[in-house]
Amino acid sequence: MTPQDLRLDVVASDDYVRDVLPLTSALWAGARTFDAYAAEFRATAGSGWGKRRFRTVGLRIGGALVASCKRYERELRCGERTYRAAGIGAVFTPEELRGRGYATALIAAFLDAERDAGSDLAYLFSDLHPAFYARLGFVALPSRTIALRADTLPTDRVEVAVLSDDDAPAVRRVFDALDARRPFAFVRRPLDWEWQRLRAASGEHAAQLIRLGVRRGRSLVAYVAGRRIPAADAFVLEELAFAREDDARFIAPLLRAGAGDLRTIRGWLPPAVARETLPRGAVRPRTTAITMLAPLSARFRTAFRARETPRREAADPCWNTDHV
């Protein structure tokens, strides 16, 4: 295999459904049928977000597809700075072609193409073999989970509202209010909120997303979103936000309401600006979905290097967080 034999191509949605999804369904379809798995992919690819921010790419040798992945276009904000980010997901090599370096060649070609296109960084959430991605230039960020007993949460009486899709504008306002206080986060444009909606509706998760909120008058001031998993006796937190500092007190009662009769609450450790809303719990390193970044541009590499300074007062606060 020589570099001249390899070609990185966009894989059309129909071709991806035909050539890749039948092979990946056992890994990622979960409880979905193949038809539902394929229909969700088509819905994502055909959405406004999908047409502008998403595509599937593959490595070909002589026209044959030997490895593939998904490419997501995002913006990463660090303070007042904004960077172009290219996400990588669903890296896959057919079983009979593994062990030949195709996945390595795919990622290397992907990074070269993004560097040439002006992207500042690539990112991914590694479920398997972070060391593989580290060899290709990716750096792991702090990635931790938290677990706490629901009965350790305060029992403050608050009026909890079940939120619906009609509350989406209010949820966005509350999210933006908290997000503005975070030094480091992926930007959520209107198209990104469409992607969030598609992900929430996906059958990838066995449990339905539950969104609960507290209102002040007619205005939403705090919310949590998560999934009840009775088999694990847990409420799995996916997101929380509050509009003002004094609204943080509503998060614990909302989590208690989300858990109901379930024993534990768990999820990714929230960003620093929201962490004090939770009581102390068991914090552990994540073993899946480990956040990894690969600097591509000189300006991002310079900013990212600031996280390595040994002087605490000189450290760039953008990188002192767990959950982007």
Protein backbone atom coordinates (compact mmCIF):
# COMPACT_ATOMS: atom_id res chain seq x y z
CA MET A 1 0.00 0.00 0.00
CA THR A 2 1.48 3.35 -1.05
CA PRO A 3 0.13 6.87 -0.44
CA GLN A 4 -0.83 6.96 -4.12
CA ASP A 5 -3.17 4.00 -3.58
CA LEU A 6 -5.18 5.82 -0.87
CA ARG A 7 -7.93 8.36 -1.43
CA LEU A 8 -10.10 10.17 1.13
CA ASP A 9 -13.59 10.70 -0.29
CA VAL A 10 -16.98 11.93 0.82
CA VAL A 11 -19.32 8.94 1.02
CA ALA A 12 -22.83 9.75 -0.20
CA SER A 13 -25.63 9.03 2.29
CA ASP A 14 -27.18 6.29 0.16
CA ASP A 15 -23.81 4.61 -0.25
CA TYR A 16 -23.14 4.84 3.48
CA VAL A 17 -26.51 3.23 4.25
CA ARG A 18 -25.82 0.45 1.77
CA ASP A 19 -22.13 -0.22 2.45
CA VAL A 20 -21.45 0.77 6.06
CA LEU A 21 -24.58 0.70 8.20
CA PRO A 22 -25.26 -3.06 7.75
CA LEU A 23 -21.78 -3.68 9.18
CA THR A 24 -22.04 -1.21 12.09
CA SER A 25 -25.58 -1.96 13.22
CA ALA A 26 -24.42 -4.70 15.58
CA LEU A 27 -22.13 -2.16 17.27
CA TRP A 28 -24.27 0.96 17.41
CA ALA A 29 -27.92 0.24 16.55
CA GLY A 30 -28.71 -0.90 20.08
CA ALA A 31 -32.33 -1.97 20.40
CA ARG A 32 -33.27 -0.39 17.07
CA THR A 33 -34.12 -2.45 14.02
CA PHE A 34 -31.86 -1.92 11.03
CA ASP A 35 -34.64 -0.02 9.24
CA ALA A 36 -35.00 2.36 12.20
CA TYR A 37 -31.22 2.73 12.48
CA ALA A 38 -30.97 3.61 8.78
CA ALA A 39 -34.00 5.92 8.90
CA GLU A 40 -32.45 7.93 11.76
CA PHE A 41 -29.21 8.27 9.83
CA ARG A 42 -31.11 9.50 6.75
CA ALA A 43 -33.08 11.97 8.89
CA THR A 44 -29.87 13.36 10.36
CA ALA A 45 -28.08 13.58 7.02
CA GLY A 46 -31.12 15.21 5.37
CA SER A 47 -31.77 17.78 8.11
CA GLY A 48 -30.72 21.41 7.88
CA TRP A 49 -27.91 20.65 10.29
CA GLY A 50 -26.91 17.54 8.36
CA LYS A 51 -26.71 19.30 5.02
CA ARG A 52 -24.41 22.00 6.38
CA ARG A 53 -22.53 20.47 9.30
CA PHE A 54 -22.32 16.72 8.74
CA ARG A 55 -20.94 14.27 6.23
CA THR A 56 -19.56 10.76 6.01
CA VAL A 57 -16.10 10.19 4.63
CA GLY A 58 -14.15 7.10 3.71
CA LEU A 59 -10.76 5.82 2.70
CA ARG A 60 -10.70 4.05 -0.65
CA ILE A 61 -8.17 1.84 -2.32
CA GLY A 62 -8.82 1.38 -6.02
CA GLY A 63 -12.42 2.48 -5.46
CA ALA A 64 -13.06 0.01 -2.62
CA LEU A 65 -14.13 1.51 0.72
CA VAL A 66 -11.80 0.14 3.41
CA ALA A 67 -12.50 2.48 6.36
CA SER A 68 -15.01 5.21 7.17
CA CYS A 69 -16.04 7.79 9.75
CA LYS A 70 -18.49 10.61 10.38
CA ARG A 71 -17.42 14.24 10.25
CA TYR A 72 -19.10 16.94 12.38
CA GLU A 73 -18.53 20.67 11.98
CA ARG A 74 -18.59 22.72 15.18
CA GLU A 75 -17.16 25.88 16.73
CA LEU A 76 -15.21 25.80 19.97
CA ARG A 77 -15.22 28.91 22.16
CA CYS A 78 -12.42 29.67 24.58
CA GLY A 79 -13.05 33.02 26.25
CA GLU A 80 -13.41 35.54 23.44
CA ARG A 81 -11.68 33.27 20.95
CA THR A 82 -13.57 31.00 18.56
CA TYR A 83 -12.03 28.09 16.68
CA ARG A 84 -13.20 25.92 13.79
CA ALA A 85 -13.55 22.34 14.98
CA ALA A 86 -14.00 19.13 13.02
CA GLY A 87 -15.45 16.21 14.95
CA ILE A 88 -14.77 12.56 14.21
CA GLY A 89 -17.19 9.78 15.04
CA ALA A 90 -18.04 6.17 14.15
CA VAL A 91 -14.55 5.23 12.94
CA PHE A 92 -15.00 1.81 11.35
CA THR A 93 -13.04 -0.78 9.40
CA PRO A 94 -14.76 -3.98 8.20
CA GLU A 95 -13.65 -6.94 10.26
CA GLU A 96 -11.95 -8.75 7.40
CA LEU A 97 -9.80 -5.66 6.65
CA ARG A 98 -8.60 -4.91 10.18
CA GLY A 99 -4.95 -5.00 11.16
CA ARG A 100 -3.76 -3.39 7.93
CA GLY A 101 -3.48 0.21 9.15
CA TYR A 102 -6.54 1.49 7.31
CA ALA A 103 -8.04 3.27 10.34
CA THR A 104 -4.70 4.96 11.01
CA ALA A 105 -4.45 6.04 7.37
CA LEU A 106 -8.06 7.30 7.46
CA ILE A 107 -7.51 9.50 10.52
CA ALA A 108 -4.18 10.78 9.23
CA ALA A 109 -5.74 11.71 5.88
CA PHE A 110 -8.70 13.30 7.70
CA LEU A 111 -6.39 15.48 9.80
CA ASP A 112 -4.35 16.50 6.75
CA ALA A 113 -7.52 17.49 4.87
CA GLU A 114 -8.84 19.51 7.82
CA ARG A 115 -5.51 21.24 8.30
CA ASP A 116 -5.49 22.20 4.61
CA ALA A 117 -9.11 23.42 4.86
CA GLY A 118 -8.27 25.79 7.72
CA SER A 119 -9.77 23.91 10.66
CA ASP A 120 -8.17 24.80 13.99
CA LEU A 121 -8.65 21.46 15.69
CA ALA A 122 -10.15 18.01 15.44
CA TYR A 123 -11.98 16.37 18.33
CA LEU A 124 -13.54 13.07 19.24
CA PHE A 125 -14.94 11.16 22.20
CA SER A 126 -12.98 7.93 22.47
CA ASP A 127 -14.75 4.82 23.70
CA LEU A 128 -11.91 2.48 22.77
CA HIS A 129 -8.14 2.70 22.78
CA PRO A 130 -7.36 6.39 23.52
CA ALA A 131 -3.69 5.46 23.07
CA PHE A 132 -4.43 4.79 19.38
CA TYR A 133 -5.60 8.37 18.91
CA ALA A 134 -2.79 9.74 21.08
CA ARG A 135 -0.30 8.29 18.60
CA LEU A 136 -2.00 10.33 15.89
CA GLY A 137 -1.67 13.63 17.77
CA PHE A 138 -4.78 13.70 19.96
CA VAL A 139 -4.56 14.82 23.59
CA ALA A 140 -7.01 13.64 26.25
CA LEU A 141 -8.76 16.30 28.33
CA PRO A 142 -9.94 15.63 31.90
CA SER A 143 -12.94 13.32 31.59
CA ARG A 144 -14.79 12.30 34.72
CA THR A 145 -18.14 10.99 35.86
CA ILE A 146 -20.07 11.67 39.04
CA ALA A 147 -22.44 9.39 40.91
CA LEU A 148 -24.48 10.34 43.96
CA ARG A 149 -27.35 8.94 45.96
CA ALA A 150 -30.65 10.61 45.24
CA ASP A 151 -31.55 10.63 48.94
CA THR A 152 -28.58 12.94 49.65
CA LEU A 153 -30.29 15.74 47.72
CA PRO A 154 -32.29 18.36 49.60
CA THR A 155 -36.04 17.95 49.70
CA ASP A 156 -36.89 21.62 49.03
CA ARG A 157 -40.44 22.03 47.83
CA VAL A 158 -40.50 23.49 44.33
CA GLU A 159 -43.08 23.35 41.61
CA VAL A 160 -41.56 21.13 38.92
CA ALA A 161 -42.77 21.44 35.33
CA VAL A 162 -42.43 18.77 32.67
CA LEU A 163 -40.97 20.49 29.62
CA SER A 164 -41.97 19.82 26.03
CA ASP A 165 -40.71 20.81 22.60
CA ASP A 166 -42.74 24.00 22.96
CA ASP A 167 -40.32 25.05 25.71
CA ALA A 168 -37.30 24.84 23.39
CA PRO A 169 -36.83 28.65 23.10
CA ALA A 170 -36.92 29.01 26.89
CA VAL A 171 -34.47 26.12 27.33
CA ARG A 172 -32.11 27.82 24.89
CA ARG A 173 -32.26 31.10 26.83
CA VAL A 174 -31.42 29.37 30.11
CA PHE A 175 -28.64 27.34 28.49
CA ASP A 176 -27.15 30.48 26.93
CA ALA A 177 -27.22 32.29 30.28
CA LEU A 178 -25.12 29.58 31.93
CA ASP A 179 -22.97 28.97 28.88
CA ALA A 180 -21.90 32.63 28.85
CA ARG A 181 -20.20 32.02 32.21
CA ARG A 182 -18.21 29.05 30.95
CA PRO A 183 -14.70 29.75 29.67
CA PHE A 184 -14.62 26.73 27.36
CA ALA A 185 -17.49 25.22 25.37
CA PHE A 186 -18.75 24.18 21.99
CA VAL A 187 -20.89 26.95 20.54
CA ARG A 188 -24.55 26.12 19.97
CA ARG A 189 -25.90 27.89 16.92
CA PRO A 190 -29.53 27.37 15.80
CA LEU A 191 -28.39 24.48 13.58
CA ASP A 192 -26.62 22.89 16.55
CA TRP A 193 -29.85 23.01 18.53
CA GLU A 194 -31.50 21.12 15.66
CA TRP A 195 -28.83 18.45 16.05
CA GLN A 196 -29.54 18.29 19.79
CA ARG A 197 -33.22 17.73 19.00
CA LEU A 198 -32.40 14.93 16.55
CA ARG A 199 -30.13 13.24 19.08
CA ALA A 200 -32.76 13.46 21.83
CA ALA A 201 -35.32 11.80 19.57
CA SER A 202 -32.92 9.05 18.54
CA GLY A 203 -33.69 5.47 19.44
CA GLU A 204 -30.01 5.02 20.28
CA HIS A 205 -30.90 5.36 23.96
CA ALA A 206 -33.15 2.78 25.56
CA ALA A 207 -34.91 5.35 27.74
CA GLN A 208 -36.87 8.44 26.78
CA LEU A 209 -35.34 11.82 27.52
CA ILE A 210 -36.97 13.53 30.54
CA ARG A 211 -36.80 17.33 30.79
CA LEU A 212 -37.90 19.04 34.00
CA GLY A 213 -37.84 22.73 34.83
CA VAL A 214 -38.71 25.43 37.34
CA ARG A 215 -40.43 28.65 36.31
CA ARG A 216 -40.50 32.08 37.91
CA GLY A 217 -43.81 33.45 36.80
CA ARG A 218 -43.95 32.48 33.13
CA SER A 219 -40.18 32.35 32.65
CA LEU A 220 -38.10 29.20 32.83
CA VAL A 221 -35.18 29.71 35.23
CA ALA A 222 -33.63 26.23 35.57
CA TYR A 223 -33.86 22.82 33.96
CA VAL A 224 -32.35 19.34 33.92
CA ALA A 225 -32.48 16.73 31.17
CA GLY A 226 -31.75 13.05 31.63
CA ARG A 227 -32.99 9.50 31.24
CA ARG A 228 -34.46 7.12 33.81
CA ILE A 229 -32.79 3.69 33.63
CA PRO A 230 -34.68 1.42 36.07
CA ALA A 231 -32.45 -1.58 35.25
CA ALA A 232 -29.48 0.43 36.56
CA ASP A 233 -31.55 2.01 39.36
CA ALA A 234 -30.32 5.38 38.08
CA PHE A 235 -31.30 8.70 36.60
CA VAL A 236 -28.62 9.50 34.02
CA LEU A 237 -28.08 13.25 33.81
CA GLU A 238 -27.36 14.64 30.35
CA GLU A 239 -27.61 18.40 30.87
CA LEU A 240 -28.46 21.05 33.44
CA ALA A 241 -28.59 24.83 33.36
CA PHE A 242 -29.85 27.78 35.40
CA ALA A 243 -30.38 31.39 34.41
CA ARG A 244 -28.94 33.25 37.41
CA GLU A 245 -26.69 32.33 40.30
CA ASP A 246 -29.56 32.25 42.79
CA ASP A 247 -31.47 29.89 40.47
CA ALA A 248 -28.81 27.22 41.02
CA ARG A 249 -30.70 26.14 44.14
CA PHE A 250 -33.38 24.59 41.92
CA ILE A 251 -31.04 22.03 40.33
CA ALA A 252 -30.93 19.61 43.26
CA PRO A 253 -34.75 19.42 43.65
CA LEU A 254 -35.08 18.93 39.90
CA LEU A 255 -32.62 16.04 40.01
CA ARG A 256 -34.48 14.54 42.95
CA ALA A 257 -37.70 14.76 40.95
CA GLY A 258 -36.01 13.22 37.92
CA ALA A 259 -34.72 10.30 39.97
CA GLY A 260 -38.07 9.65 41.64
CA ASP A 261 -37.79 6.22 43.26
CA LEU A 262 -34.44 5.45 41.65
CA ARG A 263 -31.46 5.18 43.98
CA THR A 264 -28.68 7.00 42.14
CA ILE A 265 -28.00 9.94 39.87
CA ARG A 266 -25.01 9.73 37.57
CA GLY A 267 -23.55 11.32 34.49
CA TRP A 268 -20.65 13.36 33.21
CA LEU A 269 -19.20 15.72 35.78
CA PRO A 270 -20.77 19.12 35.00
CA PRO A 271 -18.58 22.09 34.07
CA ALA A 272 -17.03 24.06 36.91
CA VAL A 273 -19.62 26.85 36.80
CA ALA A 274 -22.38 24.33 37.61
CA ARG A 275 -20.52 21.83 39.76
CA GLU A 276 -21.38 23.39 43.11
CA THR A 277 -25.08 22.81 42.46
CA LEU A 278 -24.47 19.12 43.28
CA PRO A 279 -23.54 17.61 46.62
CA ARG A 280 -20.32 15.65 46.88
CA GLY A 281 -20.48 12.34 45.09
CA ALA A 282 -18.16 9.66 43.82
CA VAL A 283 -16.05 11.19 41.03
CA ARG A 284 -14.15 8.79 38.79
CA PRO A 285 -12.27 8.98 35.50
CA ARG A 286 -14.45 8.17 32.52
CA THR A 287 -13.62 4.95 30.71
CA THR A 288 -15.77 5.82 27.69
CA ALA A 289 -16.42 9.01 25.73
CA ILE A 290 -13.05 10.45 26.73
CA THR A 291 -12.69 13.93 25.25
CA MET A 292 -9.66 14.21 22.95
CA LEU A 293 -8.43 17.14 20.85
CA ALA A 294 -5.84 17.37 18.09
CA PRO A 295 -4.45 20.89 17.48
CA LEU A 296 -4.22 21.66 13.75
CA SER A 297 -3.63 25.40 13.35
CA ALA A 298 -0.74 27.40 14.80
CA ARG A 299 -3.07 29.77 16.64
CA PHE A 300 -4.97 26.97 18.34
CA ARG A 301 -1.76 25.09 19.14
CA THR A 302 -0.41 28.19 20.88
CA ALA A 303 -3.57 28.64 22.94
CA PHE A 304 -3.83 24.95 23.79
CA ARG A 305 -0.23 24.81 24.94
CA ALA A 306 -1.10 27.33 27.67
CA ARG A 307 -2.81 24.57 29.63
CA GLU A 308 0.62 23.04 30.32
CA THR A 309 2.00 26.00 32.27
CA PRO A 310 3.12 24.95 35.77
CA ARG A 311 2.08 28.28 37.28
CA ARG A 312 -1.53 28.09 38.37
CA GLU A 313 -2.05 31.85 38.10
CA ALA A 314 -0.76 31.78 34.52
CA ALA A 315 -2.78 28.78 33.35
CA ASP A 316 -5.38 29.35 30.67
CA PRO A 317 -8.75 28.70 32.39
CA CYS A 318 -10.25 27.47 29.13
CA TRP A 319 -8.83 24.01 29.63
CA ASN A 320 -9.55 23.57 33.34
CA THR A 321 -12.87 21.81 32.88
CA ASP A 322 -14.28 18.35 32.29
CA HIS A 323 -17.27 18.58 30.04
CA VAL A 324 -17.35 20.52 26.78
